[in-house]
């Protein structure tokens, strides 16, 4: 599992932003598409909201890759 570290002072990051930041998708449009198609899960449950806020301890799964928000 890969760790994605929030920046100092950040409380959360949105799901679409983290997928793009770590290179799992190339564009925001691609992030929107894969999320809306139900291909991404957060904490083990399918998530279809691109704007879902992720906090420390949350996990994201997409195409067999897992991230933990830290």
PDB file of N, CA and C in Angstrom:
ATOM      1  N   UNK A   1       0.849  -1.184   0.000  1.00  0.00           N
ATOM      2  CA  UNK A   1       0.000   0.000   0.000  1.00  0.00           C
ATOM      3  C   UNK A   1       0.888   1.238   0.000  1.00  0.00           C
ATOM      4  N   UNK A   2       0.541   2.166  -0.847  1.00  0.00           N
ATOM      5  CA  UNK A   2       1.283   3.415  -0.968  1.00  0.00           C
ATOM      6  C   UNK A   2       0.674   4.458  -0.024  1.00  0.00           C
ATOM      7  N   UNK A   3       1.518   5.334   0.523  1.00  0.00           N
ATOM      8  CA  UNK A   3       1.049   6.387   1.406  1.00  0.00           C
ATOM      9  C   UNK A   3       1.004   7.706   0.647  1.00  0.00           C
ATOM     10  N   UNK A   4      -0.121   8.404   0.730  1.00  0.00           N
ATOM     11  CA  UNK A   4      -0.236   9.750   0.175  1.00  0.00           C
ATOM     12  C   UNK A   4      -0.294  10.704   1.350  1.00  0.00           C
ATOM     13  N   UNK A   5       0.712  11.552   1.463  1.00  0.00           N
ATOM     14  CA  UNK A   5       0.811  12.469   2.594  1.00  0.00           C
ATOM     15  C   UNK A   5       0.115  13.796   2.290  1.00  0.00           C
ATOM     16  N   UNK A   6      -0.834  14.165   3.141  1.00  0.00           N
ATOM     17  CA  UNK A   6      -1.466  15.481   3.007  1.00  0.00           C
ATOM     18  C   UNK A   6      -0.416  16.552   3.263  1.00  0.00           C
ATOM     19  N   UNK A   7      -0.561  17.694   2.606  1.00  0.00           N
ATOM     20  CA  UNK A   7       0.353  18.809   2.839  1.00  0.00           C
ATOM     21  C   UNK A   7       0.119  19.383   4.228  1.00  0.00           C
ATOM     22  N   UNK A   8       1.138  20.018   4.765  1.00  0.00           N
ATOM     23  CA  UNK A   8       1.007  20.657   6.080  1.00  0.00           C
ATOM     24  C   UNK A   8      -0.150  21.645   6.040  1.00  0.00           C
ATOM     25  N   UNK A   9      -1.011  21.572   7.020  1.00  0.00           N
ATOM     26  CA  UNK A   9      -2.148  22.472   7.099  1.00  0.00           C
ATOM     27  C   UNK A   9      -3.386  21.979   6.369  1.00  0.00           C
ATOM     28  N   UNK A  10      -3.245  20.958   5.524  1.00  0.00           N
ATOM     29  CA  UNK A  10      -4.411  20.406   4.826  1.00  0.00           C
ATOM     30  C   UNK A  10      -5.128  19.420   5.730  1.00  0.00           C
ATOM     31  N   UNK A  11      -6.436  19.551   5.782  1.00  0.00           N
ATOM     32  CA  UNK A  11      -7.247  18.654   6.590  1.00  0.00           C
ATOM     33  C   UNK A  11      -7.734  17.461   5.755  1.00  0.00           C
ATOM     34  N   UNK A  12      -7.939  17.711   4.441  1.00  0.00           N
ATOM     35  CA  UNK A  12      -8.473  16.671   3.558  1.00  0.00           C
ATOM     36  C   UNK A  12      -8.021  16.941   2.129  1.00  0.00           C
ATOM     37  N   UNK A  13      -8.257  15.937   1.262  1.00  0.00           N
ATOM     38  CA  UNK A  13      -8.079  16.083  -0.176  1.00  0.00           C
ATOM     39  C   UNK A  13      -9.262  15.389  -0.831  1.00  0.00           C
ATOM     40  N   UNK A  14      -9.671  15.875  -1.970  1.00  0.00           N
ATOM     41  CA  UNK A  14     -10.814  15.266  -2.662  1.00  0.00           C
ATOM     42  C   UNK A  14     -10.356  14.053  -3.479  1.00  0.00           C
ATOM     43  N   UNK A  15     -11.254  13.113  -3.635  1.00  0.00           N
ATOM     44  CA  UNK A  15     -10.944  11.846  -4.298  1.00  0.00           C
ATOM     45  C   UNK A  15     -10.369  12.040  -5.690  1.00  0.00           C
ATOM     46  N   UNK A  16     -10.999  12.851  -6.520  1.00  0.00           N
ATOM     47  CA  UNK A  16     -10.495  13.088  -7.877  1.00  0.00           C
ATOM     48  C   UNK A  16      -9.096  13.664  -7.876  1.00  0.00           C
ATOM     49  N   UNK A  17      -8.817  14.552  -6.918  1.00  0.00           N
ATOM     50  CA  UNK A  17      -7.500  15.180  -6.829  1.00  0.00           C
ATOM     51  C   UNK A  17      -6.417  14.169  -6.480  1.00  0.00           C
ATOM     52  N   UNK A  18      -6.702  13.259  -5.562  1.00  0.00           N
ATOM     53  CA  UNK A  18      -5.673  12.303  -5.144  1.00  0.00           C
ATOM     54  C   UNK A  18      -5.369  11.306  -6.259  1.00  0.00           C
ATOM     55  N   UNK A  19      -6.377  10.883  -7.012  1.00  0.00           N
ATOM     56  CA  UNK A  19      -6.125   9.959  -8.124  1.00  0.00           C
ATOM     57  C   UNK A  19      -5.182  10.603  -9.143  1.00  0.00           C
ATOM     58  N   UNK A  20      -5.404  11.859  -9.411  1.00  0.00           N
ATOM     59  CA  UNK A  20      -4.554  12.582 -10.360  1.00  0.00           C
ATOM     60  C   UNK A  20      -3.165  12.841  -9.772  1.00  0.00           C
ATOM     61  N   UNK A  21      -3.101  13.224  -8.516  1.00  0.00           N
ATOM     62  CA  UNK A  21      -1.824  13.565  -7.869  1.00  0.00           C
ATOM     63  C   UNK A  21      -0.846  12.395  -7.847  1.00  0.00           C
ATOM     64  N   UNK A  22      -1.346  11.182  -7.697  1.00  0.00           N
ATOM     65  CA  UNK A  22      -0.455  10.023  -7.634  1.00  0.00           C
ATOM     66  C   UNK A  22      -0.280   9.339  -8.982  1.00  0.00           C
ATOM     67  N   UNK A  23      -0.923   9.880 -10.017  1.00  0.00           N
ATOM     68  CA  UNK A  23      -0.723   9.351 -11.358  1.00  0.00           C
ATOM     69  C   UNK A  23      -1.564   8.146 -11.726  1.00  0.00           C
ATOM     70  N   UNK A  24      -2.614   7.865 -10.961  1.00  0.00           N
ATOM     71  CA  UNK A  24      -3.490   6.751 -11.319  1.00  0.00           C
ATOM     72  C   UNK A  24      -4.371   7.108 -12.508  1.00  0.00           C
ATOM     73  N   UNK A  25      -4.622   8.399 -12.688  1.00  0.00           N
ATOM     74  CA  UNK A  25      -5.311   8.913 -13.878  1.00  0.00           C
ATOM     75  C   UNK A  25      -4.520  10.115 -14.362  1.00  0.00           C
ATOM     76  N   UNK A  26      -4.712  10.485 -15.623  1.00  0.00           N
ATOM     77  CA  UNK A  26      -3.939  11.592 -16.184  1.00  0.00           C
ATOM     78  C   UNK A  26      -4.648  12.935 -16.097  1.00  0.00           C
ATOM     79  N   UNK A  27      -5.972  12.916 -16.108  1.00  0.00           N
ATOM     80  CA  UNK A  27      -6.716  14.173 -16.113  1.00  0.00           C
ATOM     81  C   UNK A  27      -7.866  14.122 -15.114  1.00  0.00           C
ATOM     82  N   UNK A  28      -8.383  15.298 -14.796  1.00  0.00           N
ATOM     83  CA  UNK A  28      -9.557  15.366 -13.943  1.00  0.00           C
ATOM     84  C   UNK A  28     -10.770  14.714 -14.595  1.00  0.00           C
ATOM     85  N   UNK A  29     -10.863  14.842 -15.921  1.00  0.00           N
ATOM     86  CA  UNK A  29     -11.975  14.218 -16.651  1.00  0.00           C
ATOM     87  C   UNK A  29     -11.912  12.698 -16.542  1.00  0.00           C
ATOM     88  N   UNK A  30     -10.701  12.152 -16.624  1.00  0.00           N
ATOM     89  CA  UNK A  30     -10.544  10.707 -16.483  1.00  0.00           C
ATOM     90  C   UNK A  30     -10.897  10.267 -15.063  1.00  0.00           C
ATOM     91  N   UNK A  31     -10.489  11.054 -14.079  1.00  0.00           N
ATOM     92  CA  UNK A  31     -10.828  10.747 -12.685  1.00  0.00           C
ATOM     93  C   UNK A  31     -12.346  10.711 -12.519  1.00  0.00           C
ATOM     94  N   UNK A  32     -13.023  11.717 -13.065  1.00  0.00           N
ATOM     95  CA  UNK A  32     -14.479  11.785 -12.974  1.00  0.00           C
ATOM     96  C   UNK A  32     -15.119  10.541 -13.585  1.00  0.00           C
ATOM     97  N   UNK A  33     -14.614  10.139 -14.730  1.00  0.00           N
ATOM     98  CA  UNK A  33     -15.171   8.983 -15.437  1.00  0.00           C
ATOM     99  C   UNK A  33     -15.019   7.691 -14.635  1.00  0.00           C
ATOM    100  N   UNK A  34     -13.810   7.409 -14.167  1.00  0.00           N
ATOM    101  CA  UNK A  34     -13.597   6.135 -13.467  1.00  0.00           C
ATOM    102  C   UNK A  34     -14.335   6.102 -12.134  1.00  0.00           C
ATOM    103  N   UNK A  35     -14.462   7.262 -11.495  1.00  0.00           N
ATOM    104  CA  UNK A  35     -15.203   7.317 -10.223  1.00  0.00           C
ATOM    105  C   UNK A  35     -16.687   7.095 -10.478  1.00  0.00           C
ATOM    106  N   UNK A  36     -17.248   7.796 -11.455  1.00  0.00           N
ATOM    107  CA  UNK A  36     -18.678   7.664 -11.741  1.00  0.00           C
ATOM    108  C   UNK A  36     -19.046   6.271 -12.240  1.00  0.00           C
ATOM    109  N   UNK A  37     -18.093   5.579 -12.849  1.00  0.00           N
ATOM    110  CA  UNK A  37     -18.347   4.216 -13.326  1.00  0.00           C
ATOM    111  C   UNK A  37     -18.224   3.180 -12.210  1.00  0.00           C
ATOM    112  N   UNK A  38     -17.922   3.627 -10.985  1.00  0.00           N
ATOM    113  CA  UNK A  38     -17.861   2.711  -9.848  1.00  0.00           C
ATOM    114  C   UNK A  38     -16.583   1.893  -9.783  1.00  0.00           C
ATOM    115  N   UNK A  39     -15.512   2.398 -10.387  1.00  0.00           N
ATOM    116  CA  UNK A  39     -14.253   1.654 -10.432  1.00  0.00           C
ATOM    117  C   UNK A  39     -13.324   1.965  -9.250  1.00  0.00           C
ATOM    118  N   UNK A  40     -13.737   2.895  -8.378  1.00  0.00           N
ATOM    119  CA  UNK A  40     -12.898   3.324  -7.254  1.00  0.00           C
ATOM    120  C   UNK A  40     -13.629   3.022  -5.954  1.00  0.00           C
ATOM    121  N   UNK A  41     -12.878   2.536  -4.963  1.00  0.00           N
ATOM    122  CA  UNK A  41     -13.487   2.332  -3.655  1.00  0.00           C
ATOM    123  C   UNK A  41     -12.720   3.111  -2.601  1.00  0.00           C
ATOM    124  N   UNK A  42     -13.465   3.531  -1.583  1.00  0.00           N
ATOM    125  CA  UNK A  42     -12.896   4.247  -0.438  1.00  0.00           C
ATOM    126  C   UNK A  42     -13.285   3.464   0.803  1.00  0.00           C
ATOM    127  N   UNK A  43     -12.275   3.088   1.569  1.00  0.00           N
ATOM    128  CA  UNK A  43     -12.494   2.307   2.793  1.00  0.00           C
ATOM    129  C   UNK A  43     -13.327   1.052   2.516  1.00  0.00           C
ATOM    130  N   UNK A  44     -13.065   0.422   1.367  1.00  0.00           N
ATOM    131  CA  UNK A  44     -13.704  -0.844   1.031  1.00  0.00           C
ATOM    132  C   UNK A  44     -15.079  -0.740   0.400  1.00  0.00           C
ATOM    133  N   UNK A  45     -15.601   0.479   0.200  1.00  0.00           N
ATOM    134  CA  UNK A  45     -16.922   0.652  -0.394  1.00  0.00           C
ATOM    135  C   UNK A  45     -16.813   1.455  -1.687  1.00  0.00           C
ATOM    136  N   UNK A  46     -17.561   1.045  -2.709  1.00  0.00           N
ATOM    137  CA  UNK A  46     -17.553   1.758  -3.984  1.00  0.00           C
ATOM    138  C   UNK A  46     -17.974   3.205  -3.772  1.00  0.00           C
ATOM    139  N   UNK A  47     -17.216   4.108  -4.368  1.00  0.00           N
ATOM    140  CA  UNK A  47     -17.495   5.548  -4.232  1.00  0.00           C
ATOM    141  C   UNK A  47     -17.707   6.145  -5.610  1.00  0.00           C
ATOM    142  N   UNK A  48     -18.797   6.877  -5.786  1.00  0.00           N
ATOM    143  CA  UNK A  48     -19.106   7.474  -7.087  1.00  0.00           C
ATOM    144  C   UNK A  48     -19.094   8.998  -7.054  1.00  0.00           C
ATOM    145  N   UNK A  49     -18.652   9.572  -5.939  1.00  0.00           N
ATOM    146  CA  UNK A  49     -18.590  11.035  -5.821  1.00  0.00           C
ATOM    147  C   UNK A  49     -17.141  11.500  -5.963  1.00  0.00           C
ATOM    148  N   UNK A  50     -16.864  12.236  -7.018  1.00  0.00           N
ATOM    149  CA  UNK A  50     -15.513  12.736  -7.274  1.00  0.00           C
ATOM    150  C   UNK A  50     -15.061  13.680  -6.165  1.00  0.00           C
ATOM    151  N   UNK A  51     -15.990  14.409  -5.578  1.00  0.00           N
ATOM    152  CA  UNK A  51     -15.659  15.388  -4.555  1.00  0.00           C
ATOM    153  C   UNK A  51     -15.574  14.833  -3.143  1.00  0.00           C
ATOM    154  N   UNK A  52     -15.667  13.517  -3.006  1.00  0.00           N
ATOM    155  CA  UNK A  52     -15.587  12.888  -1.680  1.00  0.00           C
ATOM    156  C   UNK A  52     -14.319  13.347  -0.968  1.00  0.00           C
ATOM    157  N   UNK A  53     -14.474  13.841   0.249  1.00  0.00           N
ATOM    158  CA  UNK A  53     -13.331  14.296   1.035  1.00  0.00           C
ATOM    159  C   UNK A  53     -12.648  13.104   1.687  1.00  0.00           C
ATOM    160  N   UNK A  54     -11.326  13.059   1.552  1.00  0.00           N
ATOM    161  CA  UNK A  54     -10.526  12.000   2.153  1.00  0.00           C
ATOM    162  C   UNK A  54      -9.687  12.585   3.278  1.00  0.00           C
ATOM    163  N   UNK A  55      -9.697  11.907   4.406  1.00  0.00           N
ATOM    164  CA  UNK A  55      -8.969  12.351   5.586  1.00  0.00           C
ATOM    165  C   UNK A  55      -7.907  11.324   5.953  1.00  0.00           C
ATOM    166  N   UNK A  56      -7.014  11.684   6.873  1.00  0.00           N
ATOM    167  CA  UNK A  56      -5.976  10.755   7.330  1.00  0.00           C
ATOM    168  C   UNK A  56      -6.610   9.437   7.750  1.00  0.00           C
ATOM    169  N   UNK A  57      -6.007   8.345   7.292  1.00  0.00           N
ATOM    170  CA  UNK A  57      -6.489   7.012   7.630  1.00  0.00           C
ATOM    171  C   UNK A  57      -7.409   6.402   6.588  1.00  0.00           C
ATOM    172  N   UNK A  58      -7.964   7.216   5.686  1.00  0.00           N
ATOM    173  CA  UNK A  58      -8.814   6.678   4.623  1.00  0.00           C
ATOM    174  C   UNK A  58      -7.952   5.903   3.633  1.00  0.00           C
ATOM    175  N   UNK A  59      -8.546   4.881   3.011  1.00  0.00           N
ATOM    176  CA  UNK A  59      -7.851   4.121   1.978  1.00  0.00           C
ATOM    177  C   UNK A  59      -8.635   4.202   0.675  1.00  0.00           C
ATOM    178  N   UNK A  60      -7.890   4.256  -0.424  1.00  0.00           N
ATOM    179  CA  UNK A  60      -8.468   4.340  -1.762  1.00  0.00           C
ATOM    180  C   UNK A  60      -7.942   3.173  -2.580  1.00  0.00           C
ATOM    181  N   UNK A  61      -8.825   2.492  -3.306  1.00  0.00           N
ATOM    182  CA  UNK A  61      -8.427   1.389  -4.171  1.00  0.00           C
ATOM    183  C   UNK A  61      -8.903   1.651  -5.594  1.00  0.00           C
ATOM    184  N   UNK A  62      -7.993   1.402  -6.549  1.00  0.00           N
ATOM    185  CA  UNK A  62      -8.328   1.556  -7.967  1.00  0.00           C
ATOM    186  C   UNK A  62      -7.395   0.675  -8.772  1.00  0.00           C
ATOM    187  N   UNK A  63      -7.963  -0.180  -9.602  1.00  0.00           N
ATOM    188  CA  UNK A  63      -7.218  -1.095 -10.482  1.00  0.00           C
ATOM    189  C   UNK A  63      -6.134  -1.870  -9.735  1.00  0.00           C
ATOM    190  N   UNK A  64      -6.479  -2.390  -8.570  1.00  0.00           N
ATOM    191  CA  UNK A  64      -5.555  -3.215  -7.804  1.00  0.00           C
ATOM    192  C   UNK A  64      -4.509  -2.447  -7.015  1.00  0.00           C
ATOM    193  N   UNK A  65      -4.550  -1.131  -7.071  1.00  0.00           N
ATOM    194  CA  UNK A  65      -3.590  -0.316  -6.324  1.00  0.00           C
ATOM    195  C   UNK A  65      -4.310   0.298  -5.131  1.00  0.00           C
ATOM    196  N   UNK A  66      -3.593   0.373  -4.007  1.00  0.00           N
ATOM    197  CA  UNK A  66      -4.191   0.930  -2.802  1.00  0.00           C
ATOM    198  C   UNK A  66      -3.340   2.083  -2.284  1.00  0.00           C
ATOM    199  N   UNK A  67      -4.023   3.112  -1.826  1.00  0.00           N
ATOM    200  CA  UNK A  67      -3.383   4.277  -1.224  1.00  0.00           C
ATOM    201  C   UNK A  67      -3.951   4.472   0.169  1.00  0.00           C
ATOM    202  N   UNK A  68      -3.118   4.922   1.070  1.00  0.00           N
ATOM    203  CA  UNK A  68      -3.597   5.350   2.372  1.00  0.00           C
ATOM    204  C   UNK A  68      -3.294   6.826   2.498  1.00  0.00           C
ATOM    205  N   UNK A  69      -4.281   7.572   2.972  1.00  0.00           N
ATOM    206  CA  UNK A  69      -4.104   9.000   3.193  1.00  0.00           C
ATOM    207  C   UNK A  69      -3.428   9.195   4.545  1.00  0.00           C
ATOM    208  N   UNK A  70      -2.355   9.956   4.538  1.00  0.00           N
ATOM    209  CA  UNK A  70      -1.608  10.150   5.792  1.00  0.00           C
ATOM    210  C   UNK A  70      -1.365  11.596   6.078  1.00  0.00           C
TER     211      UNK A  70
END
